[in-house]
N, C-alpha and C. Protein backbone atom coordinates (compact mmCIF):
# COMPACT_ATOMS: atom_id res chain seq x y z
N UNK A 1 -7.26 4.05 -23.85
CA UNK A 1 -7.09 4.51 -23.26
C UNK A 1 -5.88 5.33 -22.52
N UNK A 2 -5.71 6.41 -22.29
CA UNK A 2 -5.26 7.27 -21.86
C UNK A 2 -3.80 6.59 -21.00
N UNK A 3 -2.49 7.11 -21.23
CA UNK A 3 -1.34 6.62 -20.26
C UNK A 3 -1.94 6.79 -18.30
N UNK A 4 -2.45 7.82 -18.33
CA UNK A 4 -2.52 7.66 -16.74
C UNK A 4 -3.65 6.70 -16.30
N UNK A 5 -4.21 6.69 -17.25
CA UNK A 5 -5.91 5.50 -16.95
C UNK A 5 -5.14 3.90 -16.77
N UNK A 6 -4.11 4.17 -17.70
CA UNK A 6 -3.35 2.99 -17.80
C UNK A 6 -2.58 2.76 -15.91
N UNK A 7 -1.63 3.50 -16.64
CA UNK A 7 -0.88 3.48 -14.81
C UNK A 7 -2.11 3.27 -13.56
N UNK A 8 -2.93 3.80 -13.54
CA UNK A 8 -3.23 4.32 -12.27
C UNK A 8 -4.42 2.05 -12.21
N UNK A 9 -4.91 1.68 -13.77
CA UNK A 9 -5.25 0.27 -12.74
C UNK A 9 -4.09 -0.79 -13.01
N UNK A 10 -3.14 -0.68 -13.56
CA UNK A 10 -1.55 -1.03 -12.68
C UNK A 10 -1.63 -0.67 -11.59
N UNK A 11 -1.27 0.06 -11.02
CA UNK A 11 -1.28 0.91 -9.62
C UNK A 11 -2.68 -0.12 -8.79
N UNK A 12 -3.84 -0.09 -9.13
CA UNK A 12 -4.51 -1.01 -8.34
C UNK A 12 -4.67 -2.14 -8.54
N UNK A 13 -4.22 -3.27 -9.39
CA UNK A 13 -3.88 -4.59 -9.96
C UNK A 13 -2.76 -5.07 -8.66
N UNK A 14 -1.31 -3.93 -8.70
CA UNK A 14 -0.24 -4.09 -8.34
C UNK A 14 -0.81 -4.34 -6.46
N UNK A 15 -0.93 -2.72 -6.08
CA UNK A 15 -2.02 -2.72 -5.05
C UNK A 15 -2.73 -3.77 -4.09
N UNK A 16 -3.68 -4.14 -4.97
CA UNK A 16 -4.03 -5.43 -4.38
C UNK A 16 -3.39 -6.74 -4.58
N UNK A 17 -2.92 -6.63 -5.16
CA UNK A 17 -1.80 -7.72 -5.01
C UNK A 17 -1.09 -7.88 -3.59
N UNK A 18 -0.67 -6.79 -3.11
CA UNK A 18 0.36 -6.60 -1.82
C UNK A 18 -1.09 -6.70 -0.73
N UNK A 19 -2.12 -5.66 -1.05
CA UNK A 19 -3.45 -5.64 0.00
C UNK A 19 -3.73 -6.43 0.22
N UNK A 20 -4.21 -7.71 -0.71
CA UNK A 20 -4.12 -9.48 -0.32
C UNK A 20 -3.47 -9.54 0.40
N UNK A 21 -1.98 -9.78 0.52
CA UNK A 21 -1.15 -10.62 0.83
C UNK A 21 -1.65 -9.89 2.21
N UNK A 22 -1.28 -8.62 2.39
CA UNK A 22 -1.44 -8.14 3.81
C UNK A 22 -2.74 -8.41 4.04
N UNK A 23 -4.00 -8.57 3.51
CA UNK A 23 -5.42 -9.37 4.13
C UNK A 23 -4.91 -10.28 4.93
N UNK A 24 -4.31 -11.22 4.60
CA UNK A 24 -3.98 -12.65 4.51
C UNK A 24 -3.36 -12.96 5.44
N UNK A 25 -1.88 -11.99 5.28
CA UNK A 25 -1.37 -12.01 6.85
C UNK A 25 -2.12 -11.62 7.94
N UNK A 26 -2.63 -10.11 8.22
CA UNK A 26 -3.81 -9.92 9.27
C UNK A 26 -4.47 -11.02 9.43
N UNK A 27 -4.92 -11.70 9.24
CA UNK A 27 -6.44 -12.76 9.36
C UNK A 27 -5.45 -14.10 9.80
N UNK A 28 -4.09 -14.20 9.39
CA UNK A 28 -3.44 -15.24 10.29
C UNK A 28 -3.12 -14.74 11.73
N UNK A 29 -3.04 -13.56 11.71
CA UNK A 29 -1.93 -13.23 13.21
C UNK A 29 -2.91 -12.96 13.56
N UNK A 30 -4.06 -12.50 13.43
CA UNK A 30 -5.59 -12.50 14.08
C UNK A 30 -5.59 -13.81 14.64
N UNK A 31 -6.09 -14.85 14.14
CA UNK A 31 -5.77 -16.35 14.32
C UNK A 31 -5.07 -16.71 15.48
N UNK A 32 -4.17 -16.31 15.28
CA UNK A 32 -2.88 -17.11 16.63
C UNK A 32 -2.83 -16.03 17.32
N UNK A 33 -3.53 -14.95 17.29
CA UNK A 33 -3.79 -14.08 18.84
C UNK A 33 -3.30 -12.55 18.49
N UNK A 34 -3.17 -12.33 17.63
CA UNK A 34 -3.01 -10.88 17.84
C UNK A 34 -3.87 -9.89 18.05
N UNK A 35 -4.14 -9.08 18.50
CA UNK A 35 -5.19 -8.41 18.21
C UNK A 35 -5.13 -7.09 17.27
N UNK A 36 -6.37 -7.39 16.67
CA UNK A 36 -6.96 -6.44 15.44
C UNK A 36 -5.83 -4.75 15.35
N UNK A 37 -6.05 -5.01 15.84
CA UNK A 37 -5.05 -3.08 15.93
C UNK A 37 -3.67 -3.69 15.74
N UNK A 38 -2.83 -3.99 16.19
CA UNK A 38 -2.28 -4.31 15.96
C UNK A 38 -1.62 -5.04 14.48
N UNK A 39 -2.37 -6.05 14.51
CA UNK A 39 -2.60 -7.03 13.01
C UNK A 39 -2.43 -6.19 12.02
N UNK A 40 -3.00 -5.05 11.37
CA UNK A 40 -3.67 -4.16 10.75
C UNK A 40 -1.94 -3.57 10.29
N UNK A 41 -1.44 -2.87 11.11
CA UNK A 41 -0.30 -2.01 10.49
C UNK A 41 1.51 -3.07 10.24
N UNK A 42 1.42 -4.33 11.48
CA UNK A 42 2.30 -5.08 11.08
C UNK A 42 2.21 -5.92 10.11
N UNK A 43 0.63 -6.23 9.21
CA UNK A 43 0.89 -6.85 7.97
C UNK A 43 1.42 -5.81 7.19
N UNK A 44 0.47 -4.83 7.15
CA UNK A 44 0.85 -3.53 5.70
C UNK A 44 2.32 -3.32 6.13
N UNK A 45 3.09 -2.84 6.98
CA UNK A 45 4.52 -3.21 6.56
C UNK A 45 5.16 -4.24 6.35
N UNK A 46 5.04 -5.82 7.30
CA UNK A 46 5.84 -6.87 6.14
C UNK A 46 5.25 -6.77 4.21
N UNK A 47 4.15 -5.80 3.92
CA UNK A 47 4.26 -6.09 2.71
C UNK A 47 5.03 -4.73 1.70
N UNK A 48 5.66 -3.67 2.17
CA UNK A 48 5.64 -3.24 1.94
C UNK A 48 6.73 -3.02 0.47
N UNK A 49 8.18 -4.19 1.46
CA UNK A 49 8.68 -4.47 0.07
C UNK A 49 7.77 -4.90 -1.21
N UNK A 50 7.16 -5.83 -0.74
CA UNK A 50 6.11 -6.47 -2.16
C UNK A 50 5.82 -5.45 -3.16
N UNK A 51 5.54 -3.86 -2.70
CA UNK A 51 4.79 -3.10 -2.90
C UNK A 51 5.70 -2.44 -4.09
N UNK A 52 7.10 -2.44 -3.63
CA UNK A 52 7.98 -1.65 -3.98
C UNK A 52 8.43 -2.11 -4.89
N UNK A 53 8.83 -3.53 -4.94
CA UNK A 53 8.94 -4.06 -6.18
C UNK A 53 7.90 -3.80 -7.08
N UNK A 54 6.86 -4.17 -6.11
CA UNK A 54 5.67 -4.79 -8.09
C UNK A 54 5.89 -3.32 -8.19
N UNK A 55 6.01 -2.09 -8.01
CA UNK A 55 5.12 -0.81 -8.03
C UNK A 55 6.35 -0.69 -9.23
N UNK A 56 7.55 -0.55 -8.96
CA UNK A 56 8.74 -0.05 -9.73
C UNK A 56 8.92 -0.88 -11.08
N UNK A 57 8.18 -1.64 -11.10
CA UNK A 57 8.22 -3.03 -12.03
C UNK A 57 7.39 -2.63 -13.57
N UNK A 58 6.06 -2.80 -12.90
CA UNK A 58 5.21 -2.87 -13.44
C UNK A 58 4.04 -2.27 -13.59
N UNK A 59 4.34 -0.75 -12.24
CA UNK A 59 3.30 0.60 -12.83
C UNK A 59 4.67 1.96 -13.07
N UNK A 60 5.41 1.73 -12.56
CA UNK A 60 5.86 3.68 -12.95
C UNK A 60 7.06 3.35 -13.70
N UNK A 61 7.07 2.18 -14.90
CA UNK A 61 7.80 1.92 -16.34
C UNK A 61 9.64 2.54 -15.04
N UNK A 62 9.72 1.96 -14.26
CA UNK A 62 10.81 2.16 -14.37
C UNK A 62 12.62 1.51 -15.47
N UNK A 63 13.32 2.11 -14.81
CA UNK A 63 14.28 1.07 -15.80
C UNK A 63 15.09 0.38 -15.24
N UNK A 64 14.67 -0.24 -13.89
CA UNK A 64 15.37 -1.47 -12.80
C UNK A 64 16.39 -0.57 -12.19
N UNK A 65 16.65 0.77 -11.98
CA UNK A 65 18.16 1.08 -10.63
C UNK A 65 16.63 2.04 -10.12
N UNK A 66 17.38 2.13 -8.98
CA UNK A 66 17.07 2.94 -7.92
C UNK A 66 17.91 3.84 -7.55
N UNK A 67 17.42 5.34 -7.49
CA UNK A 67 18.32 6.16 -7.01
C UNK A 67 18.42 6.27 -5.20
N UNK A 68 19.38 7.10 -4.91
CA UNK A 68 19.41 6.91 -3.65
C UNK A 68 18.12 7.18 -2.61
N UNK A 69 17.80 6.64 -1.51
CA UNK A 69 16.90 7.17 -0.87
C UNK A 69 15.77 7.06 -1.48
N UNK A 70 14.91 6.02 -2.90
CA UNK A 70 14.22 6.20 -3.28
C UNK A 70 13.18 5.00 -2.13
N UNK A 71 13.89 3.93 -1.87
CA UNK A 71 13.15 2.58 -0.58
C UNK A 71 12.65 3.95 0.63
N UNK A 72 13.59 4.48 0.91
CA UNK A 72 13.24 4.82 1.51
C UNK A 72 12.03 6.07 2.05
N UNK A 73 12.11 6.53 0.77
CA UNK A 73 11.04 7.50 0.78
C UNK A 73 9.49 6.70 0.05
N UNK A 74 9.67 6.02 -0.93
CA UNK A 74 8.73 4.93 -0.92
C UNK A 74 7.66 4.57 0.50
N UNK A 75 8.96 4.45 1.58
CA UNK A 75 8.12 3.98 2.99
C UNK A 75 8.05 4.68 3.63
N UNK A 76 8.07 6.04 3.41
CA UNK A 76 7.23 7.01 4.36
C UNK A 76 6.38 7.18 3.16
N UNK A 77 6.05 7.23 2.23
CA UNK A 77 4.60 7.26 1.18
C UNK A 77 4.02 6.28 2.12
N UNK A 78 3.99 5.03 2.01
CA UNK A 78 3.54 3.78 2.96
C UNK A 78 3.11 4.13 3.42
N UNK A 79 3.71 4.97 5.32
CA UNK A 79 3.72 4.64 6.34
C UNK A 79 2.52 5.84 6.93
N UNK A 80 2.61 7.03 5.67
CA UNK A 80 1.04 7.49 5.38
C UNK A 80 0.47 7.43 5.07
N UNK A 81 0.21 6.14 3.86
CA UNK A 81 -1.01 4.82 3.80
C UNK A 81 -1.22 4.16 4.74
N UNK A 82 -0.65 3.65 5.72
CA UNK A 82 -0.40 2.92 6.43
C UNK A 82 -1.55 3.66 7.89
N UNK A 83 -1.03 4.64 8.36
CA UNK A 83 -1.61 5.63 9.05
C UNK A 83 -3.06 5.78 9.22
N UNK A 84 -3.74 5.38 7.14
CA UNK A 84 -5.04 5.76 6.72
C UNK A 84 -5.15 4.74 6.65
N UNK A 85 -4.51 3.37 6.82
CA UNK A 85 -5.00 2.55 6.75
C UNK A 85 -6.00 2.24 8.09
N UNK A 86 -4.55 2.53 8.79
CA UNK A 86 -5.07 2.01 10.18
C UNK A 86 -6.56 2.50 11.07
N UNK A 87 -6.14 3.78 10.64
CA UNK A 87 -7.30 4.86 10.73
C UNK A 87 -8.48 4.73 10.54
N UNK A 88 -8.79 3.95 9.34
CA UNK A 88 -10.21 4.09 8.78
C UNK A 88 -10.44 2.67 9.01
N UNK A 89 -9.91 1.51 9.30
CA UNK A 89 -9.83 0.45 9.96
C UNK A 89 -10.30 0.37 11.34
N UNK A 90 -10.11 0.66 12.25
CA UNK A 90 -10.49 1.42 13.27
C UNK A 90 -11.53 1.61 13.36
N UNK A 91 -12.02 2.98 13.11
CA UNK A 91 -12.65 3.76 13.20
C UNK A 91 -14.03 3.19 12.64
N UNK A 92 -13.97 2.29 10.93
CA UNK A 92 -14.97 1.71 10.41
C UNK A 92 -15.35 0.14 11.10
N UNK A 93 -14.50 0.00 12.22
CA UNK A 93 -14.93 -1.44 13.27
C UNK A 93 -15.17 -1.11 14.53
N UNK A 94 -15.10 0.59 15.30
CA UNK A 94 -15.74 1.32 16.37
C UNK A 94 -17.11 1.36 16.18
N UNK A 95 -17.24 1.27 14.10
CA UNK A 95 -18.68 1.92 14.39
C UNK A 95 -19.14 0.82 14.37
N UNK A 96 -19.20 -0.38 14.35
CA UNK A 96 -19.46 -1.75 14.31
C UNK A 96 -19.19 -2.75 13.57
N UNK A 97 -18.48 -3.04 12.57
CA UNK A 97 -18.24 -3.37 11.03
C UNK A 97 -17.68 -4.63 11.73
N UNK A 98 -17.52 -5.51 10.91
CA UNK A 98 -17.06 -6.80 11.54
C UNK A 98 -15.57 -6.41 10.64
N UNK A 99 -14.50 -7.01 11.59
CA UNK A 99 -13.11 -6.74 11.23
C UNK A 99 -13.48 -7.53 9.70
N UNK A 100 -13.03 -7.78 9.33
CA UNK A 100 -12.59 -7.89 7.77
C UNK A 100 -13.32 -6.70 6.85
N UNK A 101 -14.52 -6.28 7.16
CA UNK A 101 -15.02 -5.33 6.21
C UNK A 101 -14.29 -4.06 6.79
N UNK A 102 -13.81 -3.80 8.12
CA UNK A 102 -12.84 -2.23 8.70
C UNK A 102 -11.87 -2.39 7.87
N UNK A 103 -11.35 -4.01 7.45
CA UNK A 103 -10.18 -3.69 7.38
C UNK A 103 -10.01 -3.36 5.65
N UNK A 104 -11.33 -3.67 5.07
CA UNK A 104 -10.98 -3.96 3.78
C UNK A 104 -11.61 -2.45 3.61
N UNK A 105 -12.00 -1.28 4.07
CA UNK A 105 -12.28 0.29 4.03
C UNK A 105 -11.00 0.79 4.80
N UNK A 106 -10.69 0.21 4.80
CA UNK A 106 -8.80 0.91 5.76
C UNK A 106 -8.31 0.64 4.44
N UNK A 107 -8.26 -0.33 3.71
CA UNK A 107 -7.23 -1.03 2.52
C UNK A 107 -7.81 0.75 1.40
N UNK A 108 -9.38 0.68 1.12
CA UNK A 108 -9.45 1.10 0.23
C UNK A 108 -8.88 2.85 -0.03
N UNK A 109 -9.36 3.18 1.70
CA UNK A 109 -8.74 4.30 1.69
C UNK A 109 -7.40 4.88 1.36
N UNK A 110 -6.75 3.64 1.34
CA UNK A 110 -5.07 3.99 1.67
C UNK A 110 -4.78 3.89 0.16
N UNK A 111 -5.35 3.28 -0.75
CA UNK A 111 -5.10 2.99 -1.80
C UNK A 111 -4.98 4.69 -2.07
N UNK A 112 -5.59 5.39 -2.33
CA UNK A 112 -6.10 6.27 -2.64
C UNK A 112 -4.79 7.66 -2.53
N UNK A 113 -4.26 7.42 -1.15
CA UNK A 113 -3.40 8.41 -0.48
C UNK A 113 -2.24 7.55 -0.99
N UNK A 114 -2.10 6.37 -1.36
CA UNK A 114 -0.79 5.92 -1.78
C UNK A 114 -0.80 5.64 -3.42
N UNK A 115 -1.76 5.80 -4.18
CA UNK A 115 -1.54 6.28 -5.18
C UNK A 115 -0.35 7.53 -5.62
N UNK A 116 -1.21 8.83 -5.09
CA UNK A 116 -0.68 9.77 -5.27
C UNK A 116 0.99 10.40 -4.19
N UNK A 117 1.35 9.79 -3.36
CA UNK A 117 2.16 9.63 -2.70
C UNK A 117 3.51 8.75 -3.35
N UNK A 118 2.62 7.86 -4.07
CA UNK A 118 3.93 6.46 -4.22
C UNK A 118 4.09 7.28 -6.09
N UNK A 119 3.14 7.80 -6.66
CA UNK A 119 3.67 8.54 -7.82
C UNK A 119 4.89 9.68 -7.72
N UNK A 120 4.77 10.45 -6.65
CA UNK A 120 5.72 11.27 -6.50
C UNK A 120 7.01 10.67 -6.67
N UNK A 121 7.21 9.49 -5.69
CA UNK A 121 8.42 8.99 -5.27
C UNK A 121 8.97 8.68 -6.74
N UNK A 122 8.20 7.85 -7.34
CA UNK A 122 8.63 7.21 -8.95
C UNK A 122 8.79 8.62 -9.89
N UNK A 123 7.79 9.11 -9.75
CA UNK A 123 8.42 10.89 -10.54
C UNK A 123 9.80 11.38 -10.62
N UNK A 124 10.02 11.18 -9.33
CA UNK A 124 11.28 11.43 -9.17
C UNK A 124 12.58 11.38 -9.28
N UNK A 125 12.13 10.00 -9.27
CA UNK A 125 12.94 8.48 -10.06
C UNK A 125 13.33 9.12 -11.69
N UNK A 126 12.31 9.10 -12.40
CA UNK A 126 12.12 9.52 -13.19
C UNK A 126 12.95 11.58 -14.12
N UNK A 127 12.21 11.84 -13.37
CA UNK A 127 12.86 13.25 -13.44
C UNK A 127 14.16 12.95 -13.87
N UNK A 128 15.32 12.62 -12.67
CA UNK A 128 16.62 12.14 -12.00
C UNK A 128 17.03 11.58 -13.48
N UNK A 129 16.56 10.37 -13.93
CA UNK A 129 16.76 9.59 -15.04
C UNK A 129 17.17 10.81 -16.28
N UNK A 130 16.30 11.77 -16.42
CA UNK A 130 15.87 12.21 -17.78
C UNK A 130 16.84 12.97 -18.25
């Protein structure tokens, strides 16, 4: 397996863990009365620190030190992913899908965007450390 394929698989595993947590949080928030369209981004944002730590540690082979602004850049990358997840979730729900299916569609779409942008954030860190 190539190192890129291995990296993508690790990203999907780590992202799956963070997305699973976001999915559960969204369900809890909706169960407690928060509207779906507010619960999706709230859960996503709540899981950003988890995603950062897991990606840095297990996906992008970091030496453990963070360069200035790295977390902020990671947050911006995931903000784009959030917009993707939120938009796709709302669109799929508007087409008549149940909340869980709509949210899973949004998570899947944001995984592609998230990988590409997150890779850029940590690639910059690797270049500065070299």
